[in-house]
Amino acid sequence: MSTTESTDDPPAPSGSTDWTAVQASPDFQQLRKRLRGFVFPVTAGFLAWYLLYVLLASYAPDFMATPVLGNINIGLIFGLLQFVSTFAITITYIRFADRKLDPLSSKIRDEIEGGSR
């Protein structure tokens, strides 16, 4: 156990933010809904794609060894596409966050910081 952990929550100082109220606010719930609406399906899709790759490598080695161009086979292409899909997900998430998450999180932060001033 680290020295920073405690089983008892310290009392909130007067004038501090009520985080429970922030968490219950409609904006925070919307932010959470948007994040989950992106993260869960994309994670499931990527894991299915990765599982397909592993299963094909394990149970269909002849298919994965099919030559495409010289020494390049389907297994190598699928393996490289794993990296490509990772970068694509990253870029998509950045764009999604810029358009959907950041404006709402900035609004919430402004309300919190503005309310505590």
PDB file of N, CA and C in Angstrom:
ATOM      1  N   MET A   1       0.855  -1.179   0.000  1.00  0.00           N
ATOM      2  CA  MET A   1       0.000   0.000   0.000  1.00  0.00           C
ATOM      3  C   MET A   1       0.892   1.230   0.000  1.00  0.00           C
ATOM      4  N   SER A   2       0.603   2.143  -0.869  1.00  0.00           N
ATOM      5  CA  SER A   2       1.413   3.345  -0.906  1.00  0.00           C
ATOM      6  C   SER A   2       1.008   4.276   0.218  1.00  0.00           C
ATOM      7  N   THR A   3       1.861   5.232   0.483  1.00  0.00           N
ATOM      8  CA  THR A   3       1.574   6.166   1.564  1.00  0.00           C
ATOM      9  C   THR A   3       0.503   7.170   1.185  1.00  0.00           C
ATOM     10  N   THR A   4       0.191   7.264  -0.116  1.00  0.00           N
ATOM     11  CA  THR A   4      -0.820   8.227  -0.560  1.00  0.00           C
ATOM     12  C   THR A   4      -2.224   7.657  -0.481  1.00  0.00           C
ATOM     13  N   GLU A   5      -2.343   6.328  -0.361  1.00  0.00           N
ATOM     14  CA  GLU A   5      -3.656   5.718  -0.306  1.00  0.00           C
ATOM     15  C   GLU A   5      -4.195   5.763   1.119  1.00  0.00           C
ATOM     16  N   SER A   6      -5.471   5.918   1.204  1.00  0.00           N
ATOM     17  CA  SER A   6      -6.103   5.954   2.504  1.00  0.00           C
ATOM     18  C   SER A   6      -7.471   5.327   2.393  1.00  0.00           C
ATOM     19  N   THR A   7      -7.893   4.669   3.413  1.00  0.00           N
ATOM     20  CA  THR A   7      -9.221   4.071   3.385  1.00  0.00           C
ATOM     21  C   THR A   7     -10.295   5.085   3.717  1.00  0.00           C
ATOM     22  N   ASP A   8      -9.918   6.158   4.372  1.00  0.00           N
ATOM     23  CA  ASP A   8     -10.872   7.204   4.722  1.00  0.00           C
ATOM     24  C   ASP A   8     -10.695   8.394   3.791  1.00  0.00           C
ATOM     25  N   ASP A   9     -11.804   8.839   3.226  1.00  0.00           N
ATOM     26  CA  ASP A   9     -11.730  10.032   2.388  1.00  0.00           C
ATOM     27  C   ASP A   9     -11.617  11.253   3.283  1.00  0.00           C
ATOM     28  N   PRO A  10     -10.695  12.133   2.981  1.00  0.00           N
ATOM     29  CA  PRO A  10     -10.588  13.340   3.791  1.00  0.00           C
ATOM     30  C   PRO A  10     -11.783  14.240   3.528  1.00  0.00           C
ATOM     31  N   PRO A  11     -12.189  15.004   4.489  1.00  0.00           N
ATOM     32  CA  PRO A  11     -13.320  15.908   4.258  1.00  0.00           C
ATOM     33  C   PRO A  11     -12.968  16.947   3.209  1.00  0.00           C
ATOM     34  N   ALA A  12     -13.945  17.250   2.359  1.00  0.00           N
ATOM     35  CA  ALA A  12     -13.723  18.241   1.303  1.00  0.00           C
ATOM     36  C   ALA A  12     -13.582  19.617   1.921  1.00  0.00           C
ATOM     37  N   PRO A  13     -12.570  20.362   1.491  1.00  0.00           N
ATOM     38  CA  PRO A  13     -12.444  21.716   2.017  1.00  0.00           C
ATOM     39  C   PRO A  13     -13.606  22.575   1.544  1.00  0.00           C
ATOM     40  N   SER A  14     -13.926  23.562   2.327  1.00  0.00           N
ATOM     41  CA  SER A  14     -15.048  24.414   1.951  1.00  0.00           C
ATOM     42  C   SER A  14     -14.734  25.152   0.658  1.00  0.00           C
ATOM     43  N   GLY A  15     -15.721  25.311  -0.209  1.00  0.00           N
ATOM     44  CA  GLY A  15     -15.530  25.993  -1.479  1.00  0.00           C
ATOM     45  C   GLY A  15     -14.977  25.099  -2.573  1.00  0.00           C
ATOM     46  N   SER A  16     -14.787  23.819  -2.292  1.00  0.00           N
ATOM     47  CA  SER A  16     -14.258  22.922  -3.312  1.00  0.00           C
ATOM     48  C   SER A  16     -15.394  22.439  -4.206  1.00  0.00           C
ATOM     49  N   THR A  17     -15.018  21.819  -5.302  1.00  0.00           N
ATOM     50  CA  THR A  17     -15.986  21.346  -6.284  1.00  0.00           C
ATOM     51  C   THR A  17     -16.693  20.103  -5.770  1.00  0.00           C
ATOM     52  N   ASP A  18     -17.956  20.044  -6.007  1.00  0.00           N
ATOM     53  CA  ASP A  18     -18.751  18.869  -5.663  1.00  0.00           C
ATOM     54  C   ASP A  18     -18.675  17.908  -6.857  1.00  0.00           C
ATOM     55  N   TRP A  19     -17.743  16.977  -6.786  1.00  0.00           N
ATOM     56  CA  TRP A  19     -17.496  16.080  -7.924  1.00  0.00           C
ATOM     57  C   TRP A  19     -18.664  15.134  -8.163  1.00  0.00           C
ATOM     58  N   THR A  20     -19.389  14.825  -7.132  1.00  0.00           N
ATOM     59  CA  THR A  20     -20.558  13.971  -7.313  1.00  0.00           C
ATOM     60  C   THR A  20     -21.604  14.686  -8.163  1.00  0.00           C
ATOM     61  N   ALA A  21     -21.772  15.981  -7.921  1.00  0.00           N
ATOM     62  CA  ALA A  21     -22.720  16.762  -8.720  1.00  0.00           C
ATOM     63  C   ALA A  21     -22.226  16.896 -10.158  1.00  0.00           C
ATOM     64  N   VAL A  22     -20.916  17.066 -10.326  1.00  0.00           N
ATOM     65  CA  VAL A  22     -20.358  17.149 -11.679  1.00  0.00           C
ATOM     66  C   VAL A  22     -20.600  15.844 -12.416  1.00  0.00           C
ATOM     67  N   GLN A  23     -20.352  14.745 -11.744  1.00  0.00           N
ATOM     68  CA  GLN A  23     -20.541  13.440 -12.374  1.00  0.00           C
ATOM     69  C   GLN A  23     -22.009  13.197 -12.724  1.00  0.00           C
ATOM     70  N   ALA A  24     -22.918  13.713 -11.954  1.00  0.00           N
ATOM     71  CA  ALA A  24     -24.346  13.521 -12.206  1.00  0.00           C
ATOM     72  C   ALA A  24     -24.911  14.517 -13.211  1.00  0.00           C
ATOM     73  N   SER A  25     -24.123  15.514 -13.606  1.00  0.00           N
ATOM     74  CA  SER A  25     -24.635  16.543 -14.520  1.00  0.00           C
ATOM     75  C   SER A  25     -24.908  15.963 -15.909  1.00  0.00           C
ATOM     76  N   PRO A  26     -25.883  16.526 -16.625  1.00  0.00           N
ATOM     77  CA  PRO A  26     -26.211  16.030 -17.970  1.00  0.00           C
ATOM     78  C   PRO A  26     -25.022  16.130 -18.948  1.00  0.00           C
ATOM     79  N   ASP A  27     -24.221  17.185 -18.827  1.00  0.00           N
ATOM     80  CA  ASP A  27     -23.063  17.314 -19.725  1.00  0.00           C
ATOM     81  C   ASP A  27     -22.052  16.192 -19.499  1.00  0.00           C
ATOM     82  N   PHE A  28     -21.787  15.881 -18.247  1.00  0.00           N
ATOM     83  CA  PHE A  28     -20.841  14.802 -17.961  1.00  0.00           C
ATOM     84  C   PHE A  28     -21.385  13.461 -18.442  1.00  0.00           C
ATOM     85  N   GLN A  29     -22.667  13.249 -18.246  1.00  0.00           N
ATOM     86  CA  GLN A  29     -23.270  11.996 -18.708  1.00  0.00           C
ATOM     87  C   GLN A  29     -23.201  11.902 -20.235  1.00  0.00           C
ATOM     88  N   GLN A  30     -23.421  13.034 -20.906  1.00  0.00           N
ATOM     89  CA  GLN A  30     -23.322  13.047 -22.369  1.00  0.00           C
ATOM     90  C   GLN A  30     -21.898  12.759 -22.817  1.00  0.00           C
ATOM     91  N   LEU A  31     -20.930  13.356 -22.136  1.00  0.00           N
ATOM     92  CA  LEU A  31     -19.519  13.111 -22.452  1.00  0.00           C
ATOM     93  C   LEU A  31     -19.181  11.642 -22.280  1.00  0.00           C
ATOM     94  N   ARG A  32     -19.640  11.085 -21.199  1.00  0.00           N
ATOM     95  CA  ARG A  32     -19.385   9.665 -20.930  1.00  0.00           C
ATOM     96  C   ARG A  32     -20.049   8.769 -21.975  1.00  0.00           C
ATOM     97  N   LYS A  33     -21.274   9.125 -22.370  1.00  0.00           N
ATOM     98  CA  LYS A  33     -21.995   8.349 -23.375  1.00  0.00           C
ATOM     99  C   LYS A  33     -21.271   8.404 -24.727  1.00  0.00           C
ATOM    100  N   ARG A  34     -20.806   9.588 -25.078  1.00  0.00           N
ATOM    101  CA  ARG A  34     -20.086   9.725 -26.359  1.00  0.00           C
ATOM    102  C   ARG A  34     -18.791   8.915 -26.350  1.00  0.00           C
ATOM    103  N   LEU A  35     -18.053   8.994 -25.264  1.00  0.00           N
ATOM    104  CA  LEU A  35     -16.794   8.248 -25.179  1.00  0.00           C
ATOM    105  C   LEU A  35     -17.042   6.750 -25.289  1.00  0.00           C
ATOM    106  N   ARG A  36     -18.003   6.277 -24.531  1.00  0.00           N
ATOM    107  CA  ARG A  36     -18.301   4.842 -24.581  1.00  0.00           C
ATOM    108  C   ARG A  36     -18.854   4.424 -25.942  1.00  0.00           C
ATOM    109  N   GLY A  37     -19.619   5.318 -26.571  1.00  0.00           N
ATOM    110  CA  GLY A  37     -20.160   5.014 -27.897  1.00  0.00           C
ATOM    111  C   GLY A  37     -19.079   4.842 -28.941  1.00  0.00           C
ATOM    112  N   PHE A  38     -17.925   5.434 -28.704  1.00  0.00           N
ATOM    113  CA  PHE A  38     -16.807   5.253 -29.631  1.00  0.00           C
ATOM    114  C   PHE A  38     -15.912   4.101 -29.186  1.00  0.00           C
ATOM    115  N   VAL A  39     -15.536   4.100 -27.943  1.00  0.00           N
ATOM    116  CA  VAL A  39     -14.503   3.178 -27.466  1.00  0.00           C
ATOM    117  C   VAL A  39     -14.956   1.717 -27.496  1.00  0.00           C
ATOM    118  N   PHE A  40     -16.137   1.434 -27.023  1.00  0.00           N
ATOM    119  CA  PHE A  40     -16.554   0.035 -26.940  1.00  0.00           C
ATOM    120  C   PHE A  40     -16.679  -0.627 -28.312  1.00  0.00           C
ATOM    121  N   PRO A  41     -17.373  -0.037 -29.284  1.00  0.00           N
ATOM    122  CA  PRO A  41     -17.458  -0.698 -30.591  1.00  0.00           C
ATOM    123  C   PRO A  41     -16.104  -0.816 -31.295  1.00  0.00           C
ATOM    124  N   VAL A  42     -15.284   0.218 -31.199  1.00  0.00           N
ATOM    125  CA  VAL A  42     -13.976   0.163 -31.874  1.00  0.00           C
ATOM    126  C   VAL A  42     -13.086  -0.904 -31.220  1.00  0.00           C
ATOM    127  N   THR A  43     -13.133  -0.977 -29.912  1.00  0.00           N
ATOM    128  CA  THR A  43     -12.346  -2.000 -29.219  1.00  0.00           C
ATOM    129  C   THR A  43     -12.822  -3.391 -29.614  1.00  0.00           C
ATOM    130  N   ALA A  44     -14.127  -3.591 -29.633  1.00  0.00           N
ATOM    131  CA  ALA A  44     -14.660  -4.900 -30.023  1.00  0.00           C
ATOM    132  C   ALA A  44     -14.269  -5.241 -31.461  1.00  0.00           C
ATOM    133  N   GLY A  45     -14.366  -4.267 -32.344  1.00  0.00           N
ATOM    134  CA  GLY A  45     -13.992  -4.499 -33.743  1.00  0.00           C
ATOM    135  C   GLY A  45     -12.527  -4.846 -33.901  1.00  0.00           C
ATOM    136  N   PHE A  46     -11.676  -4.108 -33.201  1.00  0.00           N
ATOM    137  CA  PHE A  46     -10.249  -4.386 -33.324  1.00  0.00           C
ATOM    138  C   PHE A  46      -9.900  -5.745 -32.714  1.00  0.00           C
ATOM    139  N   LEU A  47     -10.497  -6.075 -31.584  1.00  0.00           N
ATOM    140  CA  LEU A  47     -10.212  -7.376 -30.981  1.00  0.00           C
ATOM    141  C   LEU A  47     -10.693  -8.516 -31.881  1.00  0.00           C
ATOM    142  N   ALA A  48     -11.837  -8.334 -32.539  1.00  0.00           N
ATOM    143  CA  ALA A  48     -12.321  -9.353 -33.478  1.00  0.00           C
ATOM    144  C   ALA A  48     -11.360  -9.491 -34.654  1.00  0.00           C
ATOM    145  N   TRP A  49     -10.886  -8.375 -35.151  1.00  0.00           N
ATOM    146  CA  TRP A  49      -9.925  -8.374 -36.256  1.00  0.00           C
ATOM    147  C   TRP A  49      -8.636  -9.070 -35.826  1.00  0.00           C
ATOM    148  N   TYR A  50      -8.148  -8.767 -34.629  1.00  0.00           N
ATOM    149  CA  TYR A  50      -6.924  -9.388 -34.128  1.00  0.00           C
ATOM    150  C   TYR A  50      -7.138 -10.886 -33.900  1.00  0.00           C
ATOM    151  N   LEU A  51      -8.299 -11.240 -33.338  1.00  0.00           N
ATOM    152  CA  LEU A  51      -8.591 -12.656 -33.101  1.00  0.00           C
ATOM    153  C   LEU A  51      -8.664 -13.410 -34.422  1.00  0.00           C
ATOM    154  N   LEU A  52      -9.247 -12.808 -35.433  1.00  0.00           N
ATOM    155  CA  LEU A  52      -9.297 -13.440 -36.755  1.00  0.00           C
ATOM    156  C   LEU A  52      -7.885 -13.712 -37.269  1.00  0.00           C
ATOM    157  N   TYR A  53      -7.023 -12.729 -37.099  1.00  0.00           N
ATOM    158  CA  TYR A  53      -5.633 -12.891 -37.542  1.00  0.00           C
ATOM    159  C   TYR A  53      -4.958 -14.053 -36.813  1.00  0.00           C
ATOM    160  N   VAL A  54      -5.120 -14.114 -35.512  1.00  0.00           N
ATOM    161  CA  VAL A  54      -4.502 -15.182 -34.724  1.00  0.00           C
ATOM    162  C   VAL A  54      -5.088 -16.538 -35.099  1.00  0.00           C
ATOM    163  N   LEU A  55      -6.399 -16.594 -35.256  1.00  0.00           N
ATOM    164  CA  LEU A  55      -7.027 -17.873 -35.615  1.00  0.00           C
ATOM    165  C   LEU A  55      -6.609 -18.334 -37.000  1.00  0.00           C
ATOM    166  N   LEU A  56      -6.535 -17.419 -37.935  1.00  0.00           N
ATOM    167  CA  LEU A  56      -6.085 -17.808 -39.281  1.00  0.00           C
ATOM    168  C   LEU A  56      -4.637 -18.288 -39.244  1.00  0.00           C
ATOM    169  N   ALA A  57      -3.812 -17.613 -38.463  1.00  0.00           N
ATOM    170  CA  ALA A  57      -2.412 -18.031 -38.362  1.00  0.00           C
ATOM    171  C   ALA A  57      -2.291 -19.410 -37.711  1.00  0.00           C
ATOM    172  N   SER A  58      -3.206 -19.704 -36.785  1.00  0.00           N
ATOM    173  CA  SER A  58      -3.132 -20.981 -36.066  1.00  0.00           C
ATOM    174  C   SER A  58      -3.772 -22.126 -36.832  1.00  0.00           C
ATOM    175  N   TYR A  59      -4.943 -21.846 -37.442  1.00  0.00           N
ATOM    176  CA  TYR A  59      -5.720 -22.942 -38.027  1.00  0.00           C
ATOM    177  C   TYR A  59      -5.753 -22.941 -39.551  1.00  0.00           C
ATOM    178  N   ALA A  60      -5.238 -21.936 -40.183  1.00  0.00           N
ATOM    179  CA  ALA A  60      -5.208 -21.911 -41.644  1.00  0.00           C
ATOM    180  C   ALA A  60      -3.833 -21.469 -42.137  1.00  0.00           C
ATOM    181  N   PRO A  61      -2.802 -22.212 -41.736  1.00  0.00           N
ATOM    182  CA  PRO A  61      -1.450 -21.779 -42.125  1.00  0.00           C
ATOM    183  C   PRO A  61      -1.231 -21.824 -43.641  1.00  0.00           C
ATOM    184  N   ASP A  62      -1.896 -22.749 -44.308  1.00  0.00           N
ATOM    185  CA  ASP A  62      -1.738 -22.810 -45.768  1.00  0.00           C
ATOM    186  C   ASP A  62      -2.295 -21.558 -46.434  1.00  0.00           C
ATOM    187  N   PHE A  63      -3.452 -21.092 -45.928  1.00  0.00           N
ATOM    188  CA  PHE A  63      -4.032 -19.850 -46.462  1.00  0.00           C
ATOM    189  C   PHE A  63      -3.116 -18.665 -46.183  1.00  0.00           C
ATOM    190  N   MET A  64      -2.605 -18.602 -44.952  1.00  0.00           N
ATOM    191  CA  MET A  64      -1.747 -17.466 -44.579  1.00  0.00           C
ATOM    192  C   MET A  64      -0.426 -17.498 -45.349  1.00  0.00           C
ATOM    193  N   ALA A  65      -0.007 -18.672 -45.786  1.00  0.00           N
ATOM    194  CA  ALA A  65       1.257 -18.796 -46.515  1.00  0.00           C
ATOM    195  C   ALA A  65       1.087 -18.607 -48.021  1.00  0.00           C
ATOM    196  N   THR A  66      -0.110 -18.280 -48.444  1.00  0.00           N
ATOM    197  CA  THR A  66      -0.353 -18.078 -49.867  1.00  0.00           C
ATOM    198  C   THR A  66       0.475 -16.904 -50.375  1.00  0.00           C
ATOM    199  N   PRO A  67       1.354 -17.148 -51.333  1.00  0.00           N
ATOM    200  CA  PRO A  67       2.173 -16.039 -51.843  1.00  0.00           C
ATOM    201  C   PRO A  67       1.340 -15.043 -52.637  1.00  0.00           C
ATOM    202  N   VAL A  68       1.675 -13.768 -52.433  1.00  0.00           N
ATOM    203  CA  VAL A  68       0.965 -12.702 -53.141  1.00  0.00           C
ATOM    204  C   VAL A  68       1.895 -12.055 -54.155  1.00  0.00           C
ATOM    205  N   LEU A  69       3.088 -11.705 -53.665  1.00  0.00           N
ATOM    206  CA  LEU A  69       4.069 -11.056 -54.532  1.00  0.00           C
ATOM    207  C   LEU A  69       5.458 -11.412 -54.019  1.00  0.00           C
ATOM    208  N   GLY A  70       6.170 -12.224 -54.719  1.00  0.00           N
ATOM    209  CA  GLY A  70       7.512 -12.636 -54.285  1.00  0.00           C
ATOM    210  C   GLY A  70       7.443 -13.373 -52.959  1.00  0.00           C
ATOM    211  N   ASN A  71       8.182 -12.882 -51.965  1.00  0.00           N
ATOM    212  CA  ASN A  71       8.175 -13.493 -50.633  1.00  0.00           C
ATOM    213  C   ASN A  71       7.058 -12.960 -49.746  1.00  0.00           C
ATOM    214  N   ILE A  72       6.261 -12.073 -50.254  1.00  0.00           N
ATOM    215  CA  ILE A  72       5.164 -11.495 -49.468  1.00  0.00           C
ATOM    216  C   ILE A  72       3.946 -12.408 -49.574  1.00  0.00           C
ATOM    217  N   ASN A  73       3.459 -12.849 -48.396  1.00  0.00           N
ATOM    218  CA  ASN A  73       2.281 -13.715 -48.385  1.00  0.00           C
ATOM    219  C   ASN A  73       1.133 -13.047 -47.638  1.00  0.00           C
ATOM    220  N   ILE A  74       0.004 -13.715 -47.608  1.00  0.00           N
ATOM    221  CA  ILE A  74      -1.187 -13.143 -46.978  1.00  0.00           C
ATOM    222  C   ILE A  74      -0.966 -12.912 -45.486  1.00  0.00           C
ATOM    223  N   GLY A  75      -0.263 -13.819 -44.825  1.00  0.00           N
ATOM    224  CA  GLY A  75       0.007 -13.660 -43.394  1.00  0.00           C
ATOM    225  C   GLY A  75       0.784 -12.389 -43.104  1.00  0.00           C
ATOM    226  N   LEU A  76       1.788 -12.098 -43.924  1.00  0.00           N
ATOM    227  CA  LEU A  76       2.565 -10.876 -43.740  1.00  0.00           C
ATOM    228  C   LEU A  76       1.699  -9.642 -43.977  1.00  0.00           C
ATOM    229  N   ILE A  77       0.873  -9.686 -44.992  1.00  0.00           N
ATOM    230  CA  ILE A  77      -0.011  -8.545 -45.281  1.00  0.00           C
ATOM    231  C   ILE A  77      -0.993  -8.326 -44.141  1.00  0.00           C
ATOM    232  N   PHE A  78      -1.601  -9.411 -43.661  1.00  0.00           N
ATOM    233  CA  PHE A  78      -2.535  -9.275 -42.533  1.00  0.00           C
ATOM    234  C   PHE A  78      -1.812  -8.753 -41.292  1.00  0.00           C
ATOM    235  N   GLY A  79      -0.601  -9.203 -41.054  1.00  0.00           N
ATOM    236  CA  GLY A  79       0.170  -8.722 -39.903  1.00  0.00           C
ATOM    237  C   GLY A  79       0.458  -7.240 -40.006  1.00  0.00           C
ATOM    238  N   LEU A  80       0.841  -6.799 -41.194  1.00  0.00           N
ATOM    239  CA  LEU A  80       1.093  -5.369 -41.376  1.00  0.00           C
ATOM    240  C   LEU A  80      -0.196  -4.555 -41.288  1.00  0.00           C
ATOM    241  N   LEU A  81      -1.300  -5.151 -41.719  1.00  0.00           N
ATOM    242  CA  LEU A  81      -2.580  -4.450 -41.614  1.00  0.00           C
ATOM    243  C   LEU A  81      -3.006  -4.258 -40.153  1.00  0.00           C
ATOM    244  N   GLN A  82      -2.498  -5.088 -39.257  1.00  0.00           N
ATOM    245  CA  GLN A  82      -2.758  -4.867 -37.836  1.00  0.00           C
ATOM    246  C   GLN A  82      -2.193  -3.512 -37.413  1.00  0.00           C
ATOM    247  N   PHE A  83      -0.971  -3.216 -37.868  1.00  0.00           N
ATOM    248  CA  PHE A  83      -0.368  -1.919 -37.552  1.00  0.00           C
ATOM    249  C   PHE A  83      -1.148  -0.788 -38.219  1.00  0.00           C
ATOM    250  N   VAL A  84      -1.521  -0.991 -39.459  1.00  0.00           N
ATOM    251  CA  VAL A  84      -2.270   0.042 -40.185  1.00  0.00           C
ATOM    252  C   VAL A  84      -3.602   0.330 -39.479  1.00  0.00           C
ATOM    253  N   SER A  85      -4.278  -0.727 -39.048  1.00  0.00           N
ATOM    254  CA  SER A  85      -5.560  -0.516 -38.371  1.00  0.00           C
ATOM    255  C   SER A  85      -5.359   0.186 -37.028  1.00  0.00           C
ATOM    256  N   THR A  86      -4.257  -0.096 -36.357  1.00  0.00           N
ATOM    257  CA  THR A  86      -3.977   0.598 -35.093  1.00  0.00           C
ATOM    258  C   THR A  86      -3.795   2.090 -35.332  1.00  0.00           C
ATOM    259  N   PHE A  87      -3.026   2.447 -36.341  1.00  0.00           N
ATOM    260  CA  PHE A  87      -2.838   3.868 -36.652  1.00  0.00           C
ATOM    261  C   PHE A  87      -4.154   4.500 -37.106  1.00  0.00           C
ATOM    262  N   ALA A  88      -4.943   3.775 -37.869  1.00  0.00           N
ATOM    263  CA  ALA A  88      -6.229   4.306 -38.333  1.00  0.00           C
ATOM    264  C   ALA A  88      -7.161   4.574 -37.151  1.00  0.00           C
ATOM    265  N   ILE A  89      -7.174   3.665 -36.194  1.00  0.00           N
ATOM    266  CA  ILE A  89      -8.006   3.867 -35.008  1.00  0.00           C
ATOM    267  C   ILE A  89      -7.520   5.082 -34.231  1.00  0.00           C
ATOM    268  N   THR A  90      -6.219   5.229 -34.112  1.00  0.00           N
ATOM    269  CA  THR A  90      -5.667   6.375 -33.391  1.00  0.00           C
ATOM    270  C   THR A  90      -6.071   7.683 -34.059  1.00  0.00           C
ATOM    271  N   ILE A  91      -5.906   7.749 -35.363  1.00  0.00           N
ATOM    272  CA  ILE A  91      -6.272   8.975 -36.094  1.00  0.00           C
ATOM    273  C   ILE A  91      -7.769   9.243 -35.978  1.00  0.00           C
ATOM    274  N   THR A  92      -8.561   8.201 -36.098  1.00  0.00           N
ATOM    275  CA  THR A  92     -10.015   8.359 -35.980  1.00  0.00           C
ATOM    276  C   THR A  92     -10.401   8.846 -34.595  1.00  0.00           C
ATOM    277  N   TYR A  93      -9.746   8.299 -33.579  1.00  0.00           N
ATOM    278  CA  TYR A  93     -10.063   8.729 -32.219  1.00  0.00           C
ATOM    279  C   TYR A  93      -9.685  10.201 -32.009  1.00  0.00           C
ATOM    280  N   ILE A  94      -8.551  10.593 -32.512  1.00  0.00           N
ATOM    281  CA  ILE A  94      -8.132  11.995 -32.355  1.00  0.00           C
ATOM    282  C   ILE A  94      -9.150  12.931 -33.000  1.00  0.00           C
ATOM    283  N   ARG A  95      -9.579  12.595 -34.183  1.00  0.00           N
ATOM    284  CA  ARG A  95     -10.587  13.425 -34.855  1.00  0.00           C
ATOM    285  C   ARG A  95     -11.916  13.423 -34.105  1.00  0.00           C
ATOM    286  N   PHE A  96     -12.302  12.243 -33.631  1.00  0.00           N
ATOM    287  CA  PHE A  96     -13.540  12.130 -32.864  1.00  0.00           C
ATOM    288  C   PHE A  96     -13.460  12.972 -31.591  1.00  0.00           C
ATOM    289  N   ALA A  97     -12.350  12.858 -30.891  1.00  0.00           N
ATOM    290  CA  ALA A  97     -12.180  13.614 -29.648  1.00  0.00           C
ATOM    291  C   ALA A  97     -12.187  15.112 -29.920  1.00  0.00           C
ATOM    292  N   ASP A  98     -11.536  15.530 -30.994  1.00  0.00           N
ATOM    293  CA  ASP A  98     -11.517  16.955 -31.324  1.00  0.00           C
ATOM    294  C   ASP A  98     -12.916  17.496 -31.596  1.00  0.00           C
ATOM    295  N   ARG A  99     -13.738  16.699 -32.260  1.00  0.00           N
ATOM    296  CA  ARG A  99     -15.064  17.169 -32.652  1.00  0.00           C
ATOM    297  C   ARG A  99     -16.122  16.958 -31.571  1.00  0.00           C
ATOM    298  N   LYS A 100     -16.071  15.826 -30.873  1.00  0.00           N
ATOM    299  CA  LYS A 100     -17.173  15.449 -29.992  1.00  0.00           C
ATOM    300  C   LYS A 100     -16.852  15.530 -28.499  1.00  0.00           C
ATOM    301  N   LEU A 101     -15.619  15.216 -28.122  1.00  0.00           N
ATOM    302  CA  LEU A 101     -15.312  15.127 -26.695  1.00  0.00           C
ATOM    303  C   LEU A 101     -14.726  16.413 -26.134  1.00  0.00           C
ATOM    304  N   ASP A 102     -13.761  16.972 -26.828  1.00  0.00           N
ATOM    305  CA  ASP A 102     -13.056  18.137 -26.293  1.00  0.00           C
ATOM    306  C   ASP A 102     -13.950  19.347 -26.057  1.00  0.00           C
ATOM    307  N   PRO A 103     -14.867  19.676 -26.981  1.00  0.00           N
ATOM    308  CA  PRO A 103     -15.725  20.839 -26.695  1.00  0.00           C
ATOM    309  C   PRO A 103     -16.566  20.649 -25.432  1.00  0.00           C
ATOM    310  N   LEU A 104     -17.095  19.468 -25.266  1.00  0.00           N
ATOM    311  CA  LEU A 104     -17.930  19.215 -24.088  1.00  0.00           C
ATOM    312  C   LEU A 104     -17.090  19.169 -22.815  1.00  0.00           C
ATOM    313  N   SER A 105     -15.923  18.546 -22.892  1.00  0.00           N
ATOM    314  CA  SER A 105     -15.071  18.502 -21.689  1.00  0.00           C
ATOM    315  C   SER A 105     -14.561  19.896 -21.338  1.00  0.00           C
ATOM    316  N   SER A 106     -14.314  20.731 -22.335  1.00  0.00           N
ATOM    317  CA  SER A 106     -13.912  22.117 -22.057  1.00  0.00           C
ATOM    318  C   SER A 106     -15.043  22.883 -21.389  1.00  0.00           C
ATOM    319  N   LYS A 107     -16.265  22.653 -21.850  1.00  0.00           N
ATOM    320  CA  LYS A 107     -17.421  23.303 -21.241  1.00  0.00           C
ATOM    321  C   LYS A 107     -17.551  22.896 -19.776  1.00  0.00           C
ATOM    322  N   ILE A 108     -17.393  21.604 -19.511  1.00  0.00           N
ATOM    323  CA  ILE A 108     -17.491  21.121 -18.129  1.00  0.00           C
ATOM    324  C   ILE A 108     -16.379  21.732 -17.282  1.00  0.00           C
ATOM    325  N   ARG A 109     -15.178  21.750 -17.822  1.00  0.00           N
ATOM    326  CA  ARG A 109     -14.046  22.324 -17.078  1.00  0.00           C
ATOM    327  C   ARG A 109     -14.263  23.806 -16.796  1.00  0.00           C
ATOM    328  N   ASP A 110     -14.773  24.528 -17.795  1.00  0.00           N
ATOM    329  CA  ASP A 110     -15.031  25.953 -17.591  1.00  0.00           C
ATOM    330  C   ASP A 110     -16.081  26.173 -16.500  1.00  0.00           C
ATOM    331  N   GLU A 111     -17.109  25.337 -16.509  1.00  0.00           N
ATOM    332  CA  GLU A 111     -18.132  25.452 -15.470  1.00  0.00           C
ATOM    333  C   GLU A 111     -17.553  25.171 -14.090  1.00  0.00           C
ATOM    334  N   ILE A 112     -16.673  24.171 -14.011  1.00  0.00           N
ATOM    335  CA  ILE A 112     -16.069  23.823 -12.720  1.00  0.00           C
ATOM    336  C   ILE A 112     -15.131  24.939 -12.263  1.00  0.00           C
ATOM    337  N   GLU A 113     -14.259  25.364 -13.154  1.00  0.00           N
ATOM    338  CA  GLU A 113     -13.288  26.398 -12.774  1.00  0.00           C
ATOM    339  C   GLU A 113     -13.967  27.742 -12.559  1.00  0.00           C
ATOM    340  N   GLY A 114     -14.985  28.007 -13.343  1.00  0.00           N
ATOM    341  CA  GLY A 114     -15.704  29.266 -13.176  1.00  0.00           C
ATOM    342  C   GLY A 114     -16.514  29.280 -11.898  1.00  0.00           C
ATOM    343  N   GLY A 115     -17.017  28.111 -11.515  1.00  0.00           N
ATOM    344  CA  GLY A 115     -17.812  28.029 -10.302  1.00  0.00           C
ATOM    345  C   GLY A 115     -16.987  28.118  -9.039  1.00  0.00           C
ATOM    346  N   SER A 116     -15.699  27.758  -9.122  1.00  0.00           N
ATOM    347  CA  SER A 116     -14.867  27.767  -7.911  1.00  0.00           C
ATOM    348  C   SER A 116     -14.123  29.072  -7.728  1.00  0.00           C
ATOM    349  N   ARG A 117     -14.255  29.983  -8.698  1.00  0.00           N
ATOM    350  CA  ARG A 117     -13.532  31.264  -8.566  1.00  0.00           C
ATOM    351  C   ARG A 117     -14.253  32.205  -7.654  1.00  0.00           C
TER     352      ARG A 117
END
